[in-house]
């Protein structure tokens, strides 16, 4: 079964989910937010090094670790939502297949 391209009419019907497309955009926005957080936190760590070199270095390391954890967590959360929408689409295919079989039984 081939997928038809997204159209504006899909926004007014619930036969095709638009969330997977939106999730890809949200994913990239989230990545940009995480990258900005990391840069700001690392800049804060650099600024803190004037007062406490150990604390500033620790803040930079924590920012890097938090950013990496955030990236991993964000990716997993988006994948969970993508799997849920994939299940929805597969269930629709199963429904359509079963309806087709029922129609074949009636014809015979």
PDB file of N, CA and C in Angstrom:
ATOM      1  N   UNK A   1       0.848  -1.171   0.000  1.00  0.00           N
ATOM      2  CA  UNK A   1       0.000   0.000   0.000  1.00  0.00           C
ATOM      3  C   UNK A   1       0.894   1.235   0.000  1.00  0.00           C
ATOM      4  N   UNK A   2       0.740   2.096  -0.986  1.00  0.00           N
ATOM      5  CA  UNK A   2       1.584   3.275  -1.065  1.00  0.00           C
ATOM      6  C   UNK A   2       0.918   4.431  -0.322  1.00  0.00           C
ATOM      7  N   UNK A   3       1.748   5.286   0.243  1.00  0.00           N
ATOM      8  CA  UNK A   3       1.246   6.426   0.993  1.00  0.00           C
ATOM      9  C   UNK A   3       0.972   7.574   0.036  1.00  0.00           C
ATOM     10  N   UNK A   4      -0.148   8.231   0.257  1.00  0.00           N
ATOM     11  CA  UNK A   4      -0.419   9.417  -0.545  1.00  0.00           C
ATOM     12  C   UNK A   4       0.219  10.623   0.134  1.00  0.00           C
ATOM     13  N   UNK A   5       0.590  11.628  -0.638  1.00  0.00           N
ATOM     14  CA  UNK A   5       1.248  12.793  -0.042  1.00  0.00           C
ATOM     15  C   UNK A   5       0.297  13.564   0.871  1.00  0.00           C
ATOM     16  N   UNK A   6       0.882  14.304   1.786  1.00  0.00           N
ATOM     17  CA  UNK A   6       0.119  15.099   2.744  1.00  0.00           C
ATOM     18  C   UNK A   6      -0.577  16.241   2.024  1.00  0.00           C
ATOM     19  N   UNK A   7      -1.835  16.457   2.352  1.00  0.00           N
ATOM     20  CA  UNK A   7      -2.572  17.583   1.778  1.00  0.00           C
ATOM     21  C   UNK A   7      -3.285  18.335   2.893  1.00  0.00           C
ATOM     22  N   UNK A   8      -3.742  19.534   2.582  1.00  0.00           N
ATOM     23  CA  UNK A   8      -4.421  20.362   3.576  1.00  0.00           C
ATOM     24  C   UNK A   8      -5.707  19.688   4.041  1.00  0.00           C
ATOM     25  N   UNK A   9      -6.342  18.933   3.179  1.00  0.00           N
ATOM     26  CA  UNK A   9      -7.563  18.223   3.551  1.00  0.00           C
ATOM     27  C   UNK A   9      -7.344  17.223   4.678  1.00  0.00           C
ATOM     28  N   UNK A  10      -6.110  16.747   4.834  1.00  0.00           N
ATOM     29  CA  UNK A  10      -5.805  15.811   5.920  1.00  0.00           C
ATOM     30  C   UNK A  10      -5.974  16.453   7.288  1.00  0.00           C
ATOM     31  N   UNK A  11      -5.898  17.771   7.354  1.00  0.00           N
ATOM     32  CA  UNK A  11      -6.071  18.460   8.634  1.00  0.00           C
ATOM     33  C   UNK A  11      -7.504  18.396   9.123  1.00  0.00           C
ATOM     34  N   UNK A  12      -8.450  18.194   8.214  1.00  0.00           N
ATOM     35  CA  UNK A  12      -9.869  18.205   8.576  1.00  0.00           C
ATOM     36  C   UNK A  12     -10.458  16.812   8.681  1.00  0.00           C
ATOM     37  N   UNK A  13      -9.667  15.797   8.416  1.00  0.00           N
ATOM     38  CA  UNK A  13     -10.115  14.414   8.527  1.00  0.00           C
ATOM     39  C   UNK A  13      -9.158  13.672   9.453  1.00  0.00           C
ATOM     40  N   UNK A  14      -9.603  12.589  10.002  1.00  0.00           N
ATOM     41  CA  UNK A  14      -8.759  11.810  10.901  1.00  0.00           C
ATOM     42  C   UNK A  14      -8.417  10.455  10.313  1.00  0.00           C
ATOM     43  N   UNK A  15      -8.419  10.349   9.001  1.00  0.00           N
ATOM     44  CA  UNK A  15      -8.027   9.113   8.336  1.00  0.00           C
ATOM     45  C   UNK A  15      -6.511   8.984   8.277  1.00  0.00           C
ATOM     46  N   UNK A  16      -5.825  10.099   8.234  1.00  0.00           N
ATOM     47  CA  UNK A  16      -4.354  10.097   8.176  1.00  0.00           C
ATOM     48  C   UNK A  16      -3.845  10.989   9.299  1.00  0.00           C
ATOM     49  N   UNK A  17      -2.892  10.472  10.048  1.00  0.00           N
ATOM     50  CA  UNK A  17      -2.346  11.228  11.164  1.00  0.00           C
ATOM     51  C   UNK A  17      -1.312  12.239  10.662  1.00  0.00           C
ATOM     52  N   UNK A  18      -1.411  13.465  11.155  1.00  0.00           N
ATOM     53  CA  UNK A  18      -0.437  14.495  10.796  1.00  0.00           C
ATOM     54  C   UNK A  18       0.638  14.623  11.867  1.00  0.00           C
ATOM     55  N   UNK A  19       0.427  13.994  13.005  1.00  0.00           N
ATOM     56  CA  UNK A  19       1.377  14.119  14.113  1.00  0.00           C
ATOM     57  C   UNK A  19       2.778  13.626  13.777  1.00  0.00           C
ATOM     58  N   UNK A  20       2.966  12.525  13.036  1.00  0.00           N
ATOM     59  CA  UNK A  20       4.342  12.121  12.716  1.00  0.00           C
ATOM     60  C   UNK A  20       5.115  13.208  11.972  1.00  0.00           C
ATOM     61  N   UNK A  21       4.452  13.915  11.089  1.00  0.00           N
ATOM     62  CA  UNK A  21       5.105  15.011  10.375  1.00  0.00           C
ATOM     63  C   UNK A  21       5.444  16.139  11.338  1.00  0.00           C
ATOM     64  N   UNK A  22       4.510  16.452  12.212  1.00  0.00           N
ATOM     65  CA  UNK A  22       4.727  17.522  13.194  1.00  0.00           C
ATOM     66  C   UNK A  22       5.820  17.111  14.184  1.00  0.00           C
ATOM     67  N   UNK A  23       5.857  15.835  14.554  1.00  0.00           N
ATOM     68  CA  UNK A  23       6.864  15.362  15.505  1.00  0.00           C
ATOM     69  C   UNK A  23       8.284  15.537  14.977  1.00  0.00           C
ATOM     70  N   UNK A  24       8.467  15.386  13.681  1.00  0.00           N
ATOM     71  CA  UNK A  24       9.799  15.585  13.112  1.00  0.00           C
ATOM     72  C   UNK A  24      10.243  17.031  13.268  1.00  0.00           C
ATOM     73  N   UNK A  25       9.315  17.956  13.089  1.00  0.00           N
ATOM     74  CA  UNK A  25       9.632  19.375  13.267  1.00  0.00           C
ATOM     75  C   UNK A  25       9.915  19.669  14.736  1.00  0.00           C
ATOM     76  N   UNK A  26       9.086  19.122  15.618  1.00  0.00           N
ATOM     77  CA  UNK A  26       9.274  19.324  17.065  1.00  0.00           C
ATOM     78  C   UNK A  26      10.611  18.744  17.511  1.00  0.00           C
ATOM     79  N   UNK A  27      11.004  17.622  16.924  1.00  0.00           N
ATOM     80  CA  UNK A  27      12.285  16.997  17.261  1.00  0.00           C
ATOM     81  C   UNK A  27      13.441  17.950  16.971  1.00  0.00           C
ATOM     82  N   UNK A  28      13.443  18.549  15.784  1.00  0.00           N
ATOM     83  CA  UNK A  28      14.534  19.455  15.414  1.00  0.00           C
ATOM     84  C   UNK A  28      14.523  20.722  16.266  1.00  0.00           C
ATOM     85  N   UNK A  29      13.341  21.210  16.605  1.00  0.00           N
ATOM     86  CA  UNK A  29      13.262  22.379  17.486  1.00  0.00           C
ATOM     87  C   UNK A  29      13.825  22.022  18.862  1.00  0.00           C
ATOM     88  N   UNK A  30      13.494  20.825  19.355  1.00  0.00           N
ATOM     89  CA  UNK A  30      14.025  20.369  20.637  1.00  0.00           C
ATOM     90  C   UNK A  30      15.535  20.229  20.619  1.00  0.00           C
ATOM     91  N   UNK A  31      16.076  19.710  19.523  1.00  0.00           N
ATOM     92  CA  UNK A  31      17.533  19.601  19.413  1.00  0.00           C
ATOM     93  C   UNK A  31      18.192  20.977  19.467  1.00  0.00           C
ATOM     94  N   UNK A  32      17.592  21.937  18.795  1.00  0.00           N
ATOM     95  CA  UNK A  32      18.139  23.300  18.824  1.00  0.00           C
ATOM     96  C   UNK A  32      18.081  23.859  20.246  1.00  0.00           C
ATOM     97  N   UNK A  33      16.983  23.607  20.959  1.00  0.00           N
ATOM     98  CA  UNK A  33      16.862  24.066  22.337  1.00  0.00           C
ATOM     99  C   UNK A  33      17.901  23.440  23.250  1.00  0.00           C
ATOM    100  N   UNK A  34      18.150  22.156  23.081  1.00  0.00           N
ATOM    101  CA  UNK A  34      19.159  21.475  23.893  1.00  0.00           C
ATOM    102  C   UNK A  34      20.550  22.025  23.594  1.00  0.00           C
ATOM    103  N   UNK A  35      20.830  22.267  22.308  1.00  0.00           N
ATOM    104  CA  UNK A  35      22.134  22.822  21.937  1.00  0.00           C
ATOM    105  C   UNK A  35      22.323  24.222  22.526  1.00  0.00           C
ATOM    106  N   UNK A  36      21.278  25.035  22.487  1.00  0.00           N
ATOM    107  CA  UNK A  36      21.363  26.384  23.065  1.00  0.00           C
ATOM    108  C   UNK A  36      21.590  26.299  24.565  1.00  0.00           C
ATOM    109  N   UNK A  37      20.861  25.378  25.236  1.00  0.00           N
ATOM    110  CA  UNK A  37      21.071  25.195  26.676  1.00  0.00           C
ATOM    111  C   UNK A  37      22.522  24.847  26.969  1.00  0.00           C
ATOM    112  N   UNK A  38      23.068  23.905  26.198  1.00  0.00           N
ATOM    113  CA  UNK A  38      24.455  23.483  26.438  1.00  0.00           C
ATOM    114  C   UNK A  38      25.427  24.652  26.274  1.00  0.00           C
ATOM    115  N   UNK A  39      25.235  25.436  25.229  1.00  0.00           N
ATOM    116  CA  UNK A  39      26.130  26.565  24.991  1.00  0.00           C
ATOM    117  C   UNK A  39      26.028  27.612  26.097  1.00  0.00           C
ATOM    118  N   UNK A  40      24.804  27.912  26.535  1.00  0.00           N
ATOM    119  CA  UNK A  40      24.613  28.903  27.606  1.00  0.00           C
ATOM    120  C   UNK A  40      25.209  28.390  28.912  1.00  0.00           C
ATOM    121  N   UNK A  41      24.970  27.120  29.235  1.00  0.00           N
ATOM    122  CA  UNK A  41      25.499  26.558  30.477  1.00  0.00           C
ATOM    123  C   UNK A  41      27.028  26.497  30.446  1.00  0.00           C
ATOM    124  N   UNK A  42      27.582  26.164  29.302  1.00  0.00           N
ATOM    125  CA  UNK A  42      29.049  26.128  29.198  1.00  0.00           C
ATOM    126  C   UNK A  42      29.626  27.545  29.305  1.00  0.00           C
ATOM    127  N   UNK A  43      28.941  28.522  28.722  1.00  0.00           N
ATOM    128  CA  UNK A  43      29.402  29.910  28.846  1.00  0.00           C
ATOM    129  C   UNK A  43      29.321  30.352  30.308  1.00  0.00           C
ATOM    130  N   UNK A  44      28.297  29.916  31.013  1.00  0.00           N
ATOM    131  CA  UNK A  44      28.200  30.216  32.447  1.00  0.00           C
ATOM    132  C   UNK A  44      29.343  29.584  33.219  1.00  0.00           C
ATOM    133  N   UNK A  45      29.691  28.369  32.834  1.00  0.00           N
ATOM    134  CA  UNK A  45      30.827  27.701  33.474  1.00  0.00           C
ATOM    135  C   UNK A  45      32.130  28.435  33.212  1.00  0.00           C
ATOM    136  N   UNK A  46      32.290  28.926  31.992  1.00  0.00           N
ATOM    137  CA  UNK A  46      33.497  29.703  31.686  1.00  0.00           C
ATOM    138  C   UNK A  46      33.538  30.995  32.502  1.00  0.00           C
ATOM    139  N   UNK A  47      32.400  31.643  32.642  1.00  0.00           N
ATOM    140  CA  UNK A  47      32.337  32.860  33.456  1.00  0.00           C
ATOM    141  C   UNK A  47      32.593  32.582  34.922  1.00  0.00           C
ATOM    142  N   UNK A  48      32.174  31.431  35.384  1.00  0.00           N
ATOM    143  CA  UNK A  48      32.360  31.064  36.784  1.00  0.00           C
ATOM    144  C   UNK A  48      33.819  30.726  37.097  1.00  0.00           C
ATOM    145  N   UNK A  49      34.594  30.391  36.075  1.00  0.00           N
ATOM    146  CA  UNK A  49      35.991  30.018  36.293  1.00  0.00           C
ATOM    147  C   UNK A  49      36.812  31.181  36.855  1.00  0.00           C
ATOM    148  N   UNK A  50      36.369  32.424  36.681  1.00  0.00           N
ATOM    149  CA  UNK A  50      37.063  33.570  37.276  1.00  0.00           C
ATOM    150  C   UNK A  50      37.018  33.499  38.799  1.00  0.00           C
ATOM    151  N   UNK A  51      35.893  32.988  39.333  1.00  0.00           N
ATOM    152  CA  UNK A  51      35.700  32.936  40.785  1.00  0.00           C
ATOM    153  C   UNK A  51      36.158  31.607  41.377  1.00  0.00           C
ATOM    154  N   UNK A  52      35.860  30.523  40.664  1.00  0.00           N
ATOM    155  CA  UNK A  52      36.198  29.193  41.163  1.00  0.00           C
ATOM    156  C   UNK A  52      36.516  28.294  39.972  1.00  0.00           C
ATOM    157  N   UNK A  53      37.802  28.085  39.685  1.00  0.00           N
ATOM    158  CA  UNK A  53      38.152  27.256  38.519  1.00  0.00           C
ATOM    159  C   UNK A  53      37.570  25.846  38.589  1.00  0.00           C
ATOM    160  N   UNK A  54      37.600  25.247  39.757  1.00  0.00           N
ATOM    161  CA  UNK A  54      37.045  23.892  39.895  1.00  0.00           C
ATOM    162  C   UNK A  54      35.539  23.881  39.690  1.00  0.00           C
ATOM    163  N   UNK A  55      34.854  24.870  40.251  1.00  0.00           N
ATOM    164  CA  UNK A  55      33.399  24.955  40.086  1.00  0.00           C
ATOM    165  C   UNK A  55      33.010  25.229  38.641  1.00  0.00           C
ATOM    166  N   UNK A  56      33.777  26.098  37.983  1.00  0.00           N
ATOM    167  CA  UNK A  56      33.496  26.390  36.581  1.00  0.00           C
ATOM    168  C   UNK A  56      33.697  25.178  35.696  1.00  0.00           C
ATOM    169  N   UNK A  57      34.798  24.442  35.947  1.00  0.00           N
ATOM    170  CA  UNK A  57      35.051  23.228  35.173  1.00  0.00           C
ATOM    171  C   UNK A  57      33.970  22.187  35.435  1.00  0.00           C
ATOM    172  N   UNK A  58      33.568  22.086  36.701  1.00  0.00           N
ATOM    173  CA  UNK A  58      32.487  21.155  37.042  1.00  0.00           C
ATOM    174  C   UNK A  58      31.185  21.532  36.354  1.00  0.00           C
ATOM    175  N   UNK A  59      30.909  22.832  36.290  1.00  0.00           N
ATOM    176  CA  UNK A  59      29.684  23.291  35.630  1.00  0.00           C
ATOM    177  C   UNK A  59      29.723  22.990  34.134  1.00  0.00           C
ATOM    178  N   UNK A  60      30.881  23.127  33.518  1.00  0.00           N
ATOM    179  CA  UNK A  60      31.013  22.808  32.093  1.00  0.00           C
ATOM    180  C   UNK A  60      30.796  21.314  31.868  1.00  0.00           C
ATOM    181  N   UNK A  61      31.391  20.487  32.721  1.00  0.00           N
ATOM    182  CA  UNK A  61      31.216  19.035  32.580  1.00  0.00           C
ATOM    183  C   UNK A  61      29.762  18.619  32.798  1.00  0.00           C
ATOM    184  N   UNK A  62      29.119  19.226  33.797  1.00  0.00           N
ATOM    185  CA  UNK A  62      27.708  18.920  34.050  1.00  0.00           C
ATOM    186  C   UNK A  62      26.849  19.361  32.870  1.00  0.00           C
ATOM    187  N   UNK A  63      27.163  20.508  32.276  1.00  0.00           N
ATOM    188  CA  UNK A  63      26.405  20.985  31.119  1.00  0.00           C
ATOM    189  C   UNK A  63      26.538  20.012  29.953  1.00  0.00           C
ATOM    190  N   UNK A  64      27.741  19.510  29.736  1.00  0.00           N
ATOM    191  CA  UNK A  64      27.956  18.554  28.642  1.00  0.00           C
ATOM    192  C   UNK A  64      27.200  17.255  28.917  1.00  0.00           C
ATOM    193  N   UNK A  65      27.320  16.737  30.135  1.00  0.00           N
ATOM    194  CA  UNK A  65      26.622  15.492  30.477  1.00  0.00           C
ATOM    195  C   UNK A  65      25.104  15.661  30.418  1.00  0.00           C
ATOM    196  N   UNK A  66      24.613  16.794  30.932  1.00  0.00           N
ATOM    197  CA  UNK A  66      23.170  17.051  30.889  1.00  0.00           C
ATOM    198  C   UNK A  66      22.691  17.184  29.452  1.00  0.00           C
ATOM    199  N   UNK A  67      23.488  17.820  28.615  1.00  0.00           N
ATOM    200  CA  UNK A  67      23.117  17.952  27.209  1.00  0.00           C
ATOM    201  C   UNK A  67      23.071  16.608  26.508  1.00  0.00           C
ATOM    202  N   UNK A  68      24.053  15.758  26.763  1.00  0.00           N
ATOM    203  CA  UNK A  68      24.062  14.427  26.151  1.00  0.00           C
ATOM    204  C   UNK A  68      22.884  13.582  26.637  1.00  0.00           C
ATOM    205  N   UNK A  69      22.617  13.650  27.940  1.00  0.00           N
ATOM    206  CA  UNK A  69      21.458  12.937  28.484  1.00  0.00           C
ATOM    207  C   UNK A  69      20.169  13.493  27.884  1.00  0.00           C
ATOM    208  N   UNK A  70      20.091  14.820  27.763  1.00  0.00           N
ATOM    209  CA  UNK A  70      18.910  15.448  27.175  1.00  0.00           C
ATOM    210  C   UNK A  70      18.691  15.016  25.739  1.00  0.00           C
ATOM    211  N   UNK A  71      19.780  14.933  24.968  1.00  0.00           N
ATOM    212  CA  UNK A  71      19.673  14.465  23.583  1.00  0.00           C
ATOM    213  C   UNK A  71      19.139  13.041  23.515  1.00  0.00           C
ATOM    214  N   UNK A  72      19.691  12.175  24.359  1.00  0.00           N
ATOM    215  CA  UNK A  72      19.257  10.782  24.379  1.00  0.00           C
ATOM    216  C   UNK A  72      17.791  10.674  24.800  1.00  0.00           C
ATOM    217  N   UNK A  73      17.437  11.374  25.875  1.00  0.00           N
ATOM    218  CA  UNK A  73      16.065  11.340  26.373  1.00  0.00           C
ATOM    219  C   UNK A  73      15.087  11.876  25.327  1.00  0.00           C
ATOM    220  N   UNK A  74      15.445  12.993  24.689  1.00  0.00           N
ATOM    221  CA  UNK A  74      14.579  13.607  23.684  1.00  0.00           C
ATOM    222  C   UNK A  74      14.354  12.658  22.510  1.00  0.00           C
ATOM    223  N   UNK A  75      15.411  12.003  22.066  1.00  0.00           N
ATOM    224  CA  UNK A  75      15.304  11.065  20.945  1.00  0.00           C
ATOM    225  C   UNK A  75      14.389   9.897  21.313  1.00  0.00           C
ATOM    226  N   UNK A  76      14.558   9.353  22.513  1.00  0.00           N
ATOM    227  CA  UNK A  76      13.733   8.214  22.942  1.00  0.00           C
ATOM    228  C   UNK A  76      12.264   8.632  23.035  1.00  0.00           C
ATOM    229  N   UNK A  77      11.999   9.809  23.575  1.00  0.00           N
ATOM    230  CA  UNK A  77      10.605  10.251  23.697  1.00  0.00           C
ATOM    231  C   UNK A  77       9.951  10.432  22.327  1.00  0.00           C
ATOM    232  N   UNK A  78      10.660  11.018  21.396  1.00  0.00           N
ATOM    233  CA  UNK A  78      10.106  11.191  20.054  1.00  0.00           C
ATOM    234  C   UNK A  78       9.884   9.828  19.399  1.00  0.00           C
ATOM    235  N   UNK A  79      10.814   8.891  19.601  1.00  0.00           N
ATOM    236  CA  UNK A  79      10.641   7.552  19.033  1.00  0.00           C
ATOM    237  C   UNK A  79       9.434   6.840  19.630  1.00  0.00           C
ATOM    238  N   UNK A  80       9.195   7.018  20.921  1.00  0.00           N
ATOM    239  CA  UNK A  80       8.012   6.406  21.547  1.00  0.00           C
ATOM    240  C   UNK A  80       6.747   6.926  20.879  1.00  0.00           C
ATOM    241  N   UNK A  81       6.669   8.231  20.683  1.00  0.00           N
ATOM    242  CA  UNK A  81       5.489   8.784  20.025  1.00  0.00           C
ATOM    243  C   UNK A  81       5.376   8.298  18.579  1.00  0.00           C
ATOM    244  N   UNK A  82       6.495   8.187  17.886  1.00  0.00           N
ATOM    245  CA  UNK A  82       6.462   7.700  16.509  1.00  0.00           C
ATOM    246  C   UNK A  82       5.974   6.243  16.457  1.00  0.00           C
ATOM    247  N   UNK A  83       6.402   5.435  17.414  1.00  0.00           N
ATOM    248  CA  UNK A  83       5.950   4.042  17.469  1.00  0.00           C
ATOM    249  C   UNK A  83       4.450   3.987  17.725  1.00  0.00           C
ATOM    250  N   UNK A  84       3.960   4.824  18.622  1.00  0.00           N
ATOM    251  CA  UNK A  84       2.523   4.832  18.900  1.00  0.00           C
ATOM    252  C   UNK A  84       1.716   5.199  17.656  1.00  0.00           C
ATOM    253  N   UNK A  85       2.170   6.184  16.916  1.00  0.00           N
ATOM    254  CA  UNK A  85       1.461   6.548  15.696  1.00  0.00           C
ATOM    255  C   UNK A  85       1.628   5.482  14.619  1.00  0.00           C
ATOM    256  N   UNK A  86       2.769   4.793  14.604  1.00  0.00           N
ATOM    257  CA  UNK A  86       2.958   3.678  13.676  1.00  0.00           C
ATOM    258  C   UNK A  86       1.991   2.544  13.977  1.00  0.00           C
ATOM    259  N   UNK A  87       1.773   2.285  15.260  1.00  0.00           N
ATOM    260  CA  UNK A  87       0.805   1.250  15.656  1.00  0.00           C
ATOM    261  C   UNK A  87      -0.584   1.633  15.172  1.00  0.00           C
ATOM    262  N   UNK A  88      -0.923   2.907  15.322  1.00  0.00           N
ATOM    263  CA  UNK A  88      -2.230   3.377  14.868  1.00  0.00           C
ATOM    264  C   UNK A  88      -2.406   3.133  13.371  1.00  0.00           C
ATOM    265  N   UNK A  89      -1.376   3.457  12.594  1.00  0.00           N
ATOM    266  CA  UNK A  89      -1.465   3.264  11.149  1.00  0.00           C
ATOM    267  C   UNK A  89      -1.572   1.781  10.792  1.00  0.00           C
ATOM    268  N   UNK A  90      -0.810   0.940  11.487  1.00  0.00           N
ATOM    269  CA  UNK A  90      -0.870  -0.509  11.215  1.00  0.00           C
ATOM    270  C   UNK A  90      -2.242  -1.071  11.568  1.00  0.00           C
ATOM    271  N   UNK A  91      -2.823  -0.596  12.663  1.00  0.00           N
ATOM    272  CA  UNK A  91      -4.160  -1.067  13.029  1.00  0.00           C
ATOM    273  C   UNK A  91      -5.185  -0.675  11.966  1.00  0.00           C
ATOM    274  N   UNK A  92      -5.005   0.496  11.381  1.00  0.00           N
ATOM    275  CA  UNK A  92      -5.882   0.907  10.284  1.00  0.00           C
ATOM    276  C   UNK A  92      -5.732  -0.010   9.086  1.00  0.00           C
ATOM    277  N   UNK A  93      -4.502  -0.429   8.790  1.00  0.00           N
ATOM    278  CA  UNK A  93      -4.277  -1.352   7.680  1.00  0.00           C
ATOM    279  C   UNK A  93      -4.911  -2.709   7.966  1.00  0.00           C
ATOM    280  N   UNK A  94      -4.790  -3.174   9.216  1.00  0.00           N
ATOM    281  CA  UNK A  94      -5.409  -4.448   9.595  1.00  0.00           C
ATOM    282  C   UNK A  94      -6.925  -4.350   9.458  1.00  0.00           C
ATOM    283  N   UNK A  95      -7.497  -3.232   9.906  1.00  0.00           N
ATOM    284  CA  UNK A  95      -8.939  -3.024   9.785  1.00  0.00           C
ATOM    285  C   UNK A  95      -9.361  -3.065   8.321  1.00  0.00           C
ATOM    286  N   UNK A  96      -8.641  -2.353   7.479  1.00  0.00           N
ATOM    287  CA  UNK A  96      -8.989  -2.325   6.060  1.00  0.00           C
ATOM    288  C   UNK A  96      -8.872  -3.713   5.435  1.00  0.00           C
ATOM    289  N   UNK A  97      -7.855  -4.466   5.845  1.00  0.00           N
ATOM    290  CA  UNK A  97      -7.677  -5.820   5.321  1.00  0.00           C
ATOM    291  C   UNK A  97      -8.827  -6.720   5.769  1.00  0.00           C
ATOM    292  N   UNK A  98      -9.217  -6.618   7.031  1.00  0.00           N
ATOM    293  CA  UNK A  98     -10.311  -7.453   7.539  1.00  0.00           C
ATOM    294  C   UNK A  98     -11.638  -7.079   6.890  1.00  0.00           C
ATOM    295  N   UNK A  99     -11.858  -5.814   6.639  1.00  0.00           N
ATOM    296  CA  UNK A  99     -13.078  -5.392   5.953  1.00  0.00           C
ATOM    297  C   UNK A  99     -13.088  -5.964   4.542  1.00  0.00           C
ATOM    298  N   UNK A 100     -11.911  -5.971   3.892  1.00  0.00           N
ATOM    299  CA  UNK A 100     -11.814  -6.554   2.546  1.00  0.00           C
ATOM    300  C   UNK A 100     -12.117  -8.027   2.545  1.00  0.00           C
ATOM    301  N   UNK A 101     -11.662  -8.765   3.568  1.00  0.00           N
ATOM    302  CA  UNK A 101     -11.955 -10.190   3.664  1.00  0.00           C
ATOM    303  C   UNK A 101     -13.422 -10.427   3.910  1.00  0.00           C
ATOM    304  N   UNK A 102     -14.068  -9.597   4.730  1.00  0.00           N
ATOM    305  CA  UNK A 102     -15.487  -9.758   5.023  1.00  0.00           C
ATOM    306  C   UNK A 102     -16.292  -9.552   3.754  1.00  0.00           C
ATOM    307  N   UNK A 103     -15.918  -8.562   2.936  1.00  0.00           N
ATOM    308  CA  UNK A 103     -16.614  -8.314   1.678  1.00  0.00           C
ATOM    309  C   UNK A 103     -16.443  -9.501   0.738  1.00  0.00           C
ATOM    310  N   UNK A 104     -15.258 -10.128   0.709  1.00  0.00           N
ATOM    311  CA  UNK A 104     -15.028 -11.298  -0.126  1.00  0.00           C
ATOM    312  C   UNK A 104     -15.906 -12.463   0.310  1.00  0.00           C
ATOM    313  N   UNK A 105     -16.128 -12.644   1.613  1.00  0.00           N
ATOM    314  CA  UNK A 105     -16.981 -13.711   2.109  1.00  0.00           C
ATOM    315  C   UNK A 105     -18.429 -13.500   1.695  1.00  0.00           C
ATOM    316  N   UNK A 106     -18.868 -12.253   1.648  1.00  0.00           N
ATOM    317  CA  UNK A 106     -20.245 -11.958   1.267  1.00  0.00           C
ATOM    318  C   UNK A 106     -20.453 -12.251  -0.205  1.00  0.00           C
ATOM    319  N   UNK A 107     -19.471 -11.940  -1.039  1.00  0.00           N
ATOM    320  CA  UNK A 107     -19.588 -12.155  -2.489  1.00  0.00           C
ATOM    321  C   UNK A 107     -19.685 -13.637  -2.807  1.00  0.00           C
ATOM    322  N   UNK A 108     -18.970 -14.478  -2.094  1.00  0.00           N
ATOM    323  CA  UNK A 108     -18.974 -15.923  -2.363  1.00  0.00           C
ATOM    324  C   UNK A 108     -20.265 -16.476  -1.932  1.00  0.00           C
TER     325      UNK A 108
END
